[in-house]
Amino acid sequence: MRDRLTLSMRASHLLALVFVTAALALAVIGAASGDTFYLRLGTEALIFAGLALSVDLLLGYSGALSLGQALYFGIGAYVSALTLLKVPSFWLAMAAAGGATLIASIVGGLIANRVRGVYFALITFGLAQVVAKVVYNTRELGASDGMIGIPVIEIGFGPVSVSAGNPVGFFLIVLTIIMGLYGLTAYLLDTPFGRVLTALKANEKRVPFLGYSVWRARMFSYVLAGLIAGLSGALYPMLRGFVSPELMFFATSGNAVISVILGGVGTLIGAIYGSVLLVLLKSIIGSWTEHHLIVIGLIFMVCVMFLPKGLVGFIRPRIEQRLLAGAQKPAAPSFAPARLEAGSAKP
């Protein structure tokens, strides 16, 4: 389909290519210098970028603000940690986390999608708080201390394996997974399903007259967003070696929403850029002052006031104009002499 959404997606893909190029350059520099700090920090930023991506899918395309998306991120992290403690298998941990978050998001979607607007935001917030409180008071899950001692695993790819303790190798694996989730989401949004979601955001009451089910579309987007958050969360214990109930707290969901707004609501790739920017700001400013949250809050307010569409939302329209100009550029006229058919020449 060649419409505005497709054009926007193509512009986002170009920005995604720039992001991947910069990430690969970071991996090369980190491998050459032996400095693992920024590689680990970049890996953490990518993991939380998956959570921000799930928030942008709901907020940017269906218009539903989830304040409890960290619930599925935390479920994926805890299920992954429990699996790794029993069987140190990357693929089994990812499958278990995906299955658990799929079931949890279906249950959560059945509850949250009964309401709209601010009530949807409050219900998602309440669901996350309830589950976080249960985990916080469950001794078998480490209670308030969380779970520690997650083993460093080997990630097998046939005859080749990469250790999760290898900063460069694990960074590249996480980059591949997160960009794969981005690619899958972008593909689905460039189908009729994506048009239904944008129609929901524009005017939900008119969608049934077009023959589409509002409930099914919202439910599918909610489950997909929960699955993306859960698969991203499954990578966290492999990086840090522990999980804690804080992964389900509102602060985690709030950071994801801030990342989306910084990067640009409804841009997809903006959520990834925003997450990386937020993690870097917290790390850099946090090394200068313990009041780093105040500085980040001020930066956020300035961004909202002067860049209401976010960083990518500011850049992407200019890329779209170039793509549109290139597509509408007329073909060069041909100056080749016309051939005269036999017998057509006049004496």
Protein backbone atom coordinates (compact mmCIF):
# COMPACT_ATOMS: atom_id res chain seq x y z
CA MET A 1 0.00 0.00 0.00
CA ARG A 2 1.36 3.40 -1.03
CA ASP A 3 -0.13 5.97 1.33
CA ARG A 4 1.00 8.30 4.09
CA LEU A 5 1.51 5.48 6.59
CA THR A 6 3.71 3.56 4.14
CA LEU A 7 5.74 6.69 3.45
CA SER A 8 6.19 7.29 7.17
CA MET A 9 7.31 3.70 7.65
CA ARG A 10 9.92 4.06 4.91
CA ALA A 11 11.28 7.16 6.61
CA SER A 12 11.39 5.28 9.91
CA HIS A 13 13.24 2.43 8.22
CA LEU A 14 15.95 4.85 7.07
CA LEU A 15 16.32 6.11 10.63
CA ALA A 16 16.42 2.50 11.82
CA LEU A 17 19.26 1.83 9.38
CA VAL A 18 21.14 4.81 10.82
CA PHE A 19 20.55 3.47 14.32
CA VAL A 20 21.82 -0.01 13.47
CA THR A 21 24.90 1.47 11.79
CA ALA A 22 25.68 3.54 14.88
CA ALA A 23 25.13 0.50 17.13
CA LEU A 24 27.50 -1.62 15.05
CA ALA A 25 30.07 1.16 15.20
CA LEU A 26 29.74 1.15 18.99
CA ALA A 27 30.29 -2.61 19.02
CA VAL A 28 33.43 -2.27 16.91
CA ILE A 29 34.82 0.54 19.08
CA GLY A 30 33.98 -1.37 22.27
CA ALA A 31 35.63 -4.53 21.00
CA ALA A 32 38.75 -2.63 19.91
CA SER A 33 39.12 -0.63 23.13
CA GLY A 34 38.09 -3.39 25.53
CA ASP A 35 35.77 -0.97 27.35
CA THR A 36 32.72 -3.01 28.37
CA PHE A 37 30.85 -0.34 30.36
CA TYR A 38 29.22 1.43 27.42
CA LEU A 39 28.49 -1.88 25.69
CA ARG A 40 26.63 -3.10 28.79
CA LEU A 41 24.90 0.25 29.09
CA GLY A 42 23.93 0.13 25.43
CA THR A 43 22.59 -3.41 25.87
CA GLU A 44 20.43 -2.27 28.78
CA ALA A 45 19.16 0.66 26.70
CA LEU A 46 18.19 -1.73 23.90
CA ILE A 47 16.32 -4.00 26.32
CA PHE A 48 14.28 -1.11 27.68
CA ALA A 49 13.80 0.07 24.10
CA GLY A 50 11.71 -3.05 23.56
CA LEU A 51 9.45 -1.96 26.41
CA ALA A 52 9.17 1.54 24.92
CA LEU A 53 8.34 -0.01 21.54
CA SER A 54 5.38 -1.83 23.07
CA VAL A 55 4.15 1.41 24.65
CA ASP A 56 4.38 3.24 21.32
CA LEU A 57 2.41 0.49 19.58
CA LEU A 58 -0.51 1.17 21.91
CA LEU A 59 -0.19 4.92 22.38
CA GLY A 60 1.00 5.96 18.94
CA TYR A 61 -1.31 3.83 16.80
CA SER A 62 -4.41 2.85 18.77
CA GLY A 63 -4.37 5.87 21.07
CA ALA A 64 -4.37 3.78 24.25
CA LEU A 65 -2.02 4.95 27.02
CA SER A 66 -0.79 2.05 29.14
CA LEU A 67 0.71 3.01 32.49
CA GLY A 68 1.37 -0.61 33.43
CA GLN A 69 3.32 -2.01 30.51
CA ALA A 70 6.13 -2.86 32.93
CA LEU A 71 3.87 -5.68 34.16
CA TYR A 72 4.65 -7.78 31.09
CA PHE A 73 8.28 -6.70 31.06
CA GLY A 74 8.60 -7.94 34.66
CA ILE A 75 6.72 -11.18 33.97
CA GLY A 76 9.07 -11.93 31.09
CA ALA A 77 12.09 -11.16 33.28
CA TYR A 78 10.94 -13.34 36.19
CA VAL A 79 9.90 -16.29 34.03
CA SER A 80 13.20 -16.08 32.18
CA ALA A 81 15.12 -16.00 35.48
CA LEU A 82 13.21 -18.98 36.89
CA THR A 83 13.81 -20.95 33.70
CA LEU A 84 17.52 -20.15 33.64
CA LEU A 85 17.91 -21.24 37.26
CA LYS A 86 16.40 -24.63 36.37
CA VAL A 87 17.66 -25.11 32.82
CA PRO A 88 20.32 -22.67 31.54
CA SER A 89 18.94 -22.47 28.01
CA PHE A 90 18.50 -19.19 26.16
CA TRP A 91 15.89 -20.50 23.74
CA LEU A 92 13.89 -22.23 26.47
CA ALA A 93 13.93 -19.07 28.59
CA MET A 94 12.74 -16.93 25.69
CA ALA A 95 10.00 -19.42 24.81
CA ALA A 96 8.82 -19.68 28.42
CA ALA A 97 8.81 -15.89 28.84
CA GLY A 98 6.95 -15.45 25.56
CA GLY A 99 4.32 -18.04 26.52
CA ALA A 100 3.82 -16.58 30.00
CA THR A 101 3.45 -13.00 28.75
CA LEU A 102 1.13 -14.15 25.98
CA ILE A 103 -1.24 -15.67 28.53
CA ALA A 104 -0.87 -12.73 30.92
CA SER A 105 -1.52 -10.16 28.18
CA ILE A 106 -4.64 -12.01 27.04
CA VAL A 107 -5.99 -11.94 30.61
CA GLY A 108 -4.95 -8.31 31.05
CA GLY A 109 -6.45 -7.36 27.70
CA LEU A 110 -9.80 -8.93 28.60
CA ILE A 111 -9.87 -6.70 31.68
CA ALA A 112 -8.35 -3.46 30.38
CA ASN A 113 -10.12 -3.31 27.01
CA ARG A 114 -13.51 -3.04 28.65
CA VAL A 115 -12.88 0.69 29.15
CA ARG A 116 -11.34 3.57 27.22
CA GLY A 117 -9.36 6.73 27.80
CA VAL A 118 -8.12 7.59 31.26
CA TYR A 119 -9.86 4.55 32.71
CA PHE A 120 -7.77 2.29 30.48
CA ALA A 121 -4.61 3.98 31.76
CA LEU A 122 -5.73 3.56 35.37
CA ILE A 123 -6.65 -0.10 34.98
CA THR A 124 -3.32 -0.97 33.37
CA PHE A 125 -1.59 0.92 36.17
CA GLY A 126 -3.62 -0.99 38.78
CA LEU A 127 -2.93 -4.38 37.21
CA ALA A 128 0.82 -3.76 37.30
CA GLN A 129 0.70 -2.53 40.90
CA VAL A 130 -1.26 -5.56 42.09
CA VAL A 131 1.08 -8.09 40.46
CA ALA A 132 4.17 -6.15 41.60
CA LYS A 133 2.87 -6.21 45.18
CA VAL A 134 2.26 -9.96 44.99
CA VAL A 135 5.79 -10.55 43.70
CA TYR A 136 7.16 -8.17 46.34
CA ASN A 137 5.63 -10.32 49.11
CA THR A 138 6.33 -13.77 47.64
CA ARG A 139 9.33 -15.35 49.36
CA GLU A 140 9.78 -17.98 46.64
CA LEU A 141 10.44 -15.16 44.17
CA GLY A 142 12.94 -13.44 46.43
CA ALA A 143 10.36 -11.01 47.84
CA SER A 144 11.65 -7.43 48.03
CA ASP A 145 15.25 -8.53 47.40
CA GLY A 146 14.44 -10.12 44.07
CA MET A 147 16.22 -13.12 42.57
CA ILE A 148 19.99 -13.19 42.26
CA GLY A 149 22.54 -15.67 40.98
CA ILE A 150 21.18 -16.02 37.44
CA PRO A 151 23.83 -18.09 35.64
CA VAL A 152 25.77 -16.82 32.65
CA ILE A 153 24.55 -18.91 29.75
CA GLU A 154 25.84 -19.94 26.37
CA ILE A 155 23.57 -18.93 23.49
CA GLY A 156 23.80 -21.59 20.84
CA PHE A 157 23.38 -21.06 17.11
CA GLY A 158 23.99 -24.54 15.79
CA PRO A 159 27.73 -25.29 15.99
CA VAL A 160 28.46 -21.73 17.19
CA SER A 161 27.70 -20.36 20.64
CA VAL A 162 28.00 -16.91 22.22
CA SER A 163 28.31 -16.33 25.95
CA ALA A 164 25.90 -13.88 27.57
CA GLY A 165 28.95 -12.70 29.49
CA ASN A 166 30.59 -11.57 26.25
CA PRO A 167 29.72 -7.83 26.06
CA VAL A 168 30.09 -7.54 22.29
CA GLY A 169 28.38 -10.81 21.44
CA PHE A 170 25.41 -10.30 23.74
CA PHE A 171 25.04 -6.69 22.57
CA LEU A 172 24.74 -7.86 18.97
CA ILE A 173 22.22 -10.56 19.92
CA VAL A 174 20.04 -8.08 21.80
CA LEU A 175 20.34 -5.60 18.93
CA THR A 176 19.17 -8.29 16.50
CA ILE A 177 16.20 -9.25 18.67
CA ILE A 178 15.02 -5.69 19.35
CA MET A 179 15.35 -4.62 15.72
CA GLY A 180 13.59 -7.84 14.72
CA LEU A 181 10.68 -6.90 17.00
CA TYR A 182 10.71 -3.44 15.43
CA GLY A 183 10.67 -4.95 11.94
CA LEU A 184 7.78 -7.29 12.80
CA THR A 185 5.75 -4.45 14.31
CA ALA A 186 6.44 -2.14 11.36
CA TYR A 187 5.41 -4.90 8.94
CA LEU A 188 2.11 -5.50 10.73
CA LEU A 189 1.37 -1.78 10.86
CA ASP A 190 1.90 -1.54 7.10
CA THR A 191 -0.95 -4.02 6.53
CA PRO A 192 -4.73 -3.48 6.71
CA PHE A 193 -4.44 -4.18 10.43
CA GLY A 194 -2.30 -1.05 10.80
CA ARG A 195 -4.93 1.00 8.99
CA VAL A 196 -7.59 -0.27 11.37
CA LEU A 197 -5.47 0.79 14.36
CA THR A 198 -4.95 4.29 12.98
CA ALA A 199 -8.68 4.48 12.28
CA LEU A 200 -9.34 3.56 15.91
CA LYS A 201 -7.18 6.44 17.04
CA ALA A 202 -8.87 8.86 14.63
CA ASN A 203 -12.50 7.89 15.22
CA GLU A 204 -13.31 4.62 16.94
CA LYS A 205 -17.08 4.94 16.46
CA ARG A 206 -16.85 4.83 12.67
CA VAL A 207 -14.71 1.67 12.47
CA PRO A 208 -17.63 -0.81 12.89
CA PHE A 209 -19.36 0.78 9.88
CA LEU A 210 -16.36 -0.30 7.79
CA GLY A 211 -16.89 -3.91 8.82
CA TYR A 212 -14.10 -4.22 11.39
CA SER A 213 -14.31 -5.25 15.02
CA VAL A 214 -13.03 -2.59 17.41
CA TRP A 215 -12.61 -5.08 20.24
CA ARG A 216 -10.57 -7.54 18.17
CA ALA A 217 -8.24 -4.85 16.86
CA ARG A 218 -7.64 -3.43 20.34
CA MET A 219 -7.20 -6.88 21.82
CA PHE A 220 -4.69 -7.94 19.19
CA SER A 221 -2.63 -4.77 19.60
CA TYR A 222 -2.68 -5.14 23.39
CA VAL A 223 -1.53 -8.77 23.27
CA LEU A 224 1.16 -7.97 20.70
CA ALA A 225 2.44 -5.09 22.84
CA GLY A 226 2.50 -7.34 25.91
CA LEU A 227 4.43 -10.01 24.02
CA ILE A 228 7.02 -7.49 22.81
CA ALA A 229 7.48 -6.21 26.37
CA GLY A 230 7.77 -9.76 27.74
CA LEU A 231 10.38 -10.89 25.22
CA SER A 232 12.40 -7.75 25.94
CA GLY A 233 12.15 -8.35 29.68
CA ALA A 234 13.37 -11.93 29.24
CA LEU A 235 16.76 -10.54 28.18
CA TYR A 236 17.22 -8.48 31.36
CA PRO A 237 18.31 -11.28 33.78
CA MET A 238 20.76 -12.54 31.17
CA LEU A 239 22.43 -9.14 31.23
CA ARG A 240 22.32 -8.23 34.92
CA GLY A 241 22.17 -11.65 36.59
CA PHE A 242 19.21 -10.69 38.81
CA VAL A 243 15.62 -9.49 38.74
CA SER A 244 13.66 -7.44 41.27
CA PRO A 245 10.04 -6.31 41.76
CA GLU A 246 11.13 -2.81 40.74
CA LEU A 247 10.94 -3.96 37.12
CA MET A 248 7.13 -3.96 37.53
CA PHE A 249 6.85 -0.65 39.38
CA PHE A 250 5.36 2.47 37.84
CA ALA A 251 8.81 4.05 37.44
CA THR A 252 9.65 1.47 34.78
CA SER A 253 6.42 2.10 32.88
CA GLY A 254 6.86 5.86 33.32
CA ASN A 255 10.36 5.76 31.86
CA ALA A 256 9.01 3.88 28.84
CA VAL A 257 6.33 6.55 28.30
CA ILE A 258 8.96 9.29 28.61
CA SER A 259 11.16 7.48 26.09
CA VAL A 260 8.28 7.36 23.60
CA ILE A 261 7.51 11.06 24.03
CA LEU A 262 11.18 12.02 23.71
CA GLY A 263 11.62 9.96 20.56
CA GLY A 264 8.24 10.71 19.02
CA VAL A 265 4.81 9.16 19.56
CA GLY A 266 3.68 7.00 16.65
CA THR A 267 7.09 6.70 15.01
CA LEU A 268 8.16 3.26 16.38
CA ILE A 269 11.86 3.89 15.82
CA GLY A 270 11.50 7.00 17.97
CA ALA A 271 10.77 4.78 20.96
CA ILE A 272 14.13 3.07 20.47
CA TYR A 273 15.99 6.37 20.04
CA GLY A 274 14.21 7.81 23.06
CA SER A 275 15.05 4.84 25.26
CA VAL A 276 18.74 4.99 24.37
CA LEU A 277 18.75 8.75 24.98
CA LEU A 278 17.05 8.40 28.36
CA VAL A 279 19.39 5.66 29.59
CA LEU A 280 22.43 7.65 28.48
CA LEU A 281 21.13 10.81 30.17
CA LYS A 282 20.49 8.96 33.42
CA SER A 283 23.99 7.48 33.34
CA ILE A 284 25.88 10.63 32.36
CA ILE A 285 23.96 13.11 34.51
CA GLY A 286 23.85 10.62 37.37
CA SER A 287 27.64 10.60 37.42
CA TRP A 288 27.64 14.38 37.92
CA THR A 289 24.93 14.77 40.53
CA GLU A 290 22.64 12.65 42.67
CA HIS A 291 19.76 14.93 41.65
CA HIS A 292 19.84 13.68 38.09
CA LEU A 293 16.08 13.10 37.98
CA ILE A 294 15.50 16.84 38.36
CA VAL A 295 17.75 17.57 35.38
CA ILE A 296 16.10 14.85 33.30
CA GLY A 297 12.68 16.23 34.23
CA LEU A 298 13.69 19.68 33.05
CA ILE A 299 15.03 18.28 29.78
CA PHE A 300 11.76 16.39 29.32
CA MET A 301 9.68 19.53 29.84
CA VAL A 302 11.81 21.49 27.38
CA CYS A 303 11.43 18.72 24.81
CA VAL A 304 7.64 18.64 25.26
CA MET A 305 7.37 22.42 24.88
CA PHE A 306 9.70 22.94 21.91
CA LEU A 307 9.62 19.48 20.26
CA PRO A 308 6.08 18.23 20.91
CA LYS A 309 6.44 15.54 18.23
CA GLY A 310 9.72 14.27 19.66
CA LEU A 311 13.14 14.04 18.05
CA VAL A 312 12.18 11.56 15.34
CA GLY A 313 8.84 13.30 14.89
CA PHE A 314 10.79 16.46 14.08
CA ILE A 315 13.22 14.79 11.66
CA ARG A 316 10.97 12.27 9.93
CA PRO A 317 8.72 14.72 8.00
CA ARG A 318 11.79 16.11 6.25
CA ILE A 319 12.81 12.61 5.21
CA GLU A 320 9.26 11.97 4.01
CA GLN A 321 9.40 15.08 1.83
CA ARG A 322 12.60 13.88 0.21
CA LEU A 323 11.15 10.42 -0.40
CA LEU A 324 7.97 11.92 -1.83
CA ALA A 325 9.95 14.28 -4.06
CA GLY A 326 12.04 11.38 -5.32
CA ALA A 327 8.94 9.32 -6.07
CA GLN A 328 7.25 12.17 -7.96
CA LYS A 329 10.32 13.21 -9.95
CA PRO A 330 9.38 13.12 -13.65
CA ALA A 331 11.28 10.88 -15.98
CA ALA A 332 13.93 12.53 -18.15
CA PRO A 333 12.67 13.23 -21.69
CA SER A 334 14.09 11.09 -24.43
CA PHE A 335 15.87 12.88 -27.27
CA ALA A 336 16.41 9.82 -29.43
CA PRO A 337 15.32 10.45 -33.04
CA ALA A 338 12.08 8.80 -34.00
CA ARG A 339 12.28 5.98 -36.48
CA LEU A 340 10.32 6.35 -39.70
CA GLU A 341 8.46 3.33 -40.84
CA ALA A 342 9.04 2.17 -44.37
CA GLY A 343 6.84 3.99 -46.84
CA SER A 344 5.88 6.72 -44.41
CA ALA A 345 8.40 9.31 -45.61
CA LYS A 346 7.02 11.97 -47.89
CA PRO A 347 8.82 12.66 -51.21
